[in-house]
Amino acid sequence: MGVDAAGGLVHGVETSAANVSDISQTYALVREDDRFCYADSGYTGIAKRP
């Protein structure tokens, strides 16, 4: 789920099958106009992924 940090409004939701990893869906939720992104340590290094 993508949420606006300032207002708390949801701007995107991505669903998938249980066998699809969360990290593979990250780019569907991060928008071009996002200035920063909060995530847990499981997403460390996402910029290095294809």
N, C-alpha and C. Protein backbone atom coordinates (compact mmCIF):
# COMPACT_ATOMS: atom_id res chain seq x y z
N MET A 1 0.84 -1.16 0.00
CA MET A 1 0.00 0.00 0.00
C MET A 1 0.90 1.23 0.00
N GLY A 2 0.61 2.17 -0.87
CA GLY A 2 1.32 3.44 -0.89
C GLY A 2 0.50 4.51 -0.20
N VAL A 3 1.09 5.21 0.77
CA VAL A 3 0.37 6.20 1.56
C VAL A 3 1.13 7.52 1.54
N ASP A 4 0.41 8.61 1.40
CA ASP A 4 1.01 9.93 1.45
C ASP A 4 1.42 10.22 2.88
N ALA A 5 2.68 10.53 3.10
CA ALA A 5 3.21 10.73 4.46
C ALA A 5 2.62 11.97 5.13
N ALA A 6 2.36 13.01 4.38
CA ALA A 6 1.87 14.24 4.97
C ALA A 6 0.40 14.15 5.37
N GLY A 7 -0.42 13.60 4.48
CA GLY A 7 -1.85 13.57 4.74
C GLY A 7 -2.39 12.24 5.22
N GLY A 8 -1.63 11.18 5.01
CA GLY A 8 -2.06 9.86 5.43
C GLY A 8 -3.06 9.19 4.49
N LEU A 9 -3.24 9.77 3.30
CA LEU A 9 -4.18 9.20 2.33
C LEU A 9 -3.51 8.12 1.49
N VAL A 10 -4.22 7.05 1.24
CA VAL A 10 -3.71 5.96 0.41
C VAL A 10 -3.74 6.41 -1.05
N HIS A 11 -2.61 6.28 -1.75
CA HIS A 11 -2.57 6.65 -3.16
C HIS A 11 -2.39 5.45 -4.08
N GLY A 12 -2.13 4.29 -3.52
CA GLY A 12 -1.99 3.11 -4.37
C GLY A 12 -2.03 1.83 -3.57
N VAL A 13 -2.59 0.80 -4.18
CA VAL A 13 -2.64 -0.52 -3.57
C VAL A 13 -2.28 -1.53 -4.64
N GLU A 14 -1.43 -2.44 -4.32
CA GLU A 14 -1.01 -3.49 -5.26
C GLU A 14 -1.26 -4.82 -4.59
N THR A 15 -1.94 -5.72 -5.28
CA THR A 15 -2.21 -7.05 -4.74
C THR A 15 -1.55 -8.10 -5.63
N SER A 16 -1.24 -9.23 -5.05
CA SER A 16 -0.61 -10.31 -5.81
C SER A 16 -0.90 -11.63 -5.11
N ALA A 17 -0.50 -12.70 -5.75
CA ALA A 17 -0.63 -14.02 -5.15
C ALA A 17 0.33 -14.15 -3.97
N ALA A 18 0.08 -15.09 -3.10
CA ALA A 18 0.89 -15.27 -1.90
C ALA A 18 2.33 -15.67 -2.23
N ASN A 19 2.57 -16.27 -3.40
CA ASN A 19 3.93 -16.70 -3.74
C ASN A 19 4.77 -15.60 -4.39
N VAL A 20 4.24 -14.39 -4.51
CA VAL A 20 4.98 -13.25 -5.07
C VAL A 20 5.55 -12.46 -3.90
N SER A 21 6.86 -12.18 -3.96
CA SER A 21 7.49 -11.46 -2.84
C SER A 21 7.07 -9.98 -2.82
N ASP A 22 7.00 -9.42 -1.63
CA ASP A 22 6.63 -8.01 -1.47
C ASP A 22 7.60 -7.09 -2.19
N ILE A 23 8.86 -7.41 -2.12
CA ILE A 23 9.87 -6.52 -2.69
C ILE A 23 9.75 -6.41 -4.21
N SER A 24 9.19 -7.40 -4.86
CA SER A 24 9.03 -7.33 -6.32
C SER A 24 7.91 -6.37 -6.72
N GLN A 25 7.07 -5.96 -5.78
CA GLN A 25 5.97 -5.04 -6.05
C GLN A 25 6.27 -3.59 -5.65
N THR A 26 7.45 -3.34 -5.14
CA THR A 26 7.81 -2.01 -4.63
C THR A 26 7.66 -0.92 -5.67
N TYR A 27 8.15 -1.15 -6.87
CA TYR A 27 8.12 -0.10 -7.89
C TYR A 27 6.71 0.25 -8.34
N ALA A 28 5.74 -0.62 -8.11
CA ALA A 28 4.36 -0.30 -8.43
C ALA A 28 3.76 0.70 -7.45
N LEU A 29 4.36 0.84 -6.28
CA LEU A 29 3.82 1.73 -5.25
C LEU A 29 4.56 3.04 -5.10
N VAL A 30 5.82 3.09 -5.48
CA VAL A 30 6.60 4.32 -5.36
C VAL A 30 6.37 5.16 -6.61
N ARG A 31 5.90 6.38 -6.41
CA ARG A 31 5.58 7.27 -7.53
C ARG A 31 6.78 8.15 -7.87
N GLU A 32 6.78 8.73 -9.06
CA GLU A 32 7.87 9.61 -9.50
C GLU A 32 7.98 10.87 -8.66
N ASP A 33 6.87 11.36 -8.13
CA ASP A 33 6.90 12.59 -7.34
C ASP A 33 7.16 12.36 -5.86
N ASP A 34 7.39 11.12 -5.45
CA ASP A 34 7.72 10.84 -4.05
C ASP A 34 9.12 11.35 -3.73
N ARG A 35 9.23 12.07 -2.63
CA ARG A 35 10.53 12.60 -2.22
C ARG A 35 11.29 11.63 -1.34
N PHE A 36 10.58 10.78 -0.61
CA PHE A 36 11.21 9.79 0.24
C PHE A 36 10.27 8.61 0.40
N CYS A 37 10.79 7.56 0.96
CA CYS A 37 10.01 6.34 1.12
C CYS A 37 10.36 5.69 2.45
N TYR A 38 9.35 5.37 3.26
CA TYR A 38 9.55 4.66 4.51
C TYR A 38 9.29 3.17 4.25
N ALA A 39 10.19 2.32 4.71
CA ALA A 39 10.00 0.88 4.57
C ALA A 39 10.82 0.18 5.65
N ASP A 40 10.51 -1.09 5.89
CA ASP A 40 11.29 -1.81 6.89
C ASP A 40 12.60 -2.32 6.28
N SER A 41 13.43 -2.95 7.09
CA SER A 41 14.76 -3.36 6.64
C SER A 41 14.75 -4.41 5.52
N GLY A 42 13.62 -5.06 5.30
CA GLY A 42 13.52 -6.03 4.21
C GLY A 42 13.65 -5.39 2.83
N TYR A 43 13.47 -4.08 2.76
CA TYR A 43 13.55 -3.38 1.48
C TYR A 43 14.91 -2.70 1.27
N THR A 44 15.85 -2.92 2.16
CA THR A 44 17.17 -2.33 2.01
C THR A 44 17.81 -2.81 0.71
N GLY A 45 18.35 -1.93 -0.07
CA GLY A 45 18.99 -2.27 -1.32
C GLY A 45 18.05 -2.38 -2.51
N ILE A 46 16.81 -1.90 -2.36
CA ILE A 46 15.83 -1.99 -3.46
C ILE A 46 16.31 -1.23 -4.70
N ALA A 47 17.07 -0.19 -4.52
CA ALA A 47 17.56 0.59 -5.67
C ALA A 47 18.53 -0.22 -6.54
N LYS A 48 19.14 -1.25 -5.97
CA LYS A 48 20.08 -2.08 -6.72
C LYS A 48 19.40 -3.20 -7.50
N ARG A 49 18.11 -3.42 -7.23
CA ARG A 49 17.39 -4.50 -7.90
C ARG A 49 16.93 -4.06 -9.28
N PRO A 50 16.83 -4.98 -10.22
CA PRO A 50 16.36 -4.61 -11.58
C PRO A 50 14.89 -4.26 -11.61
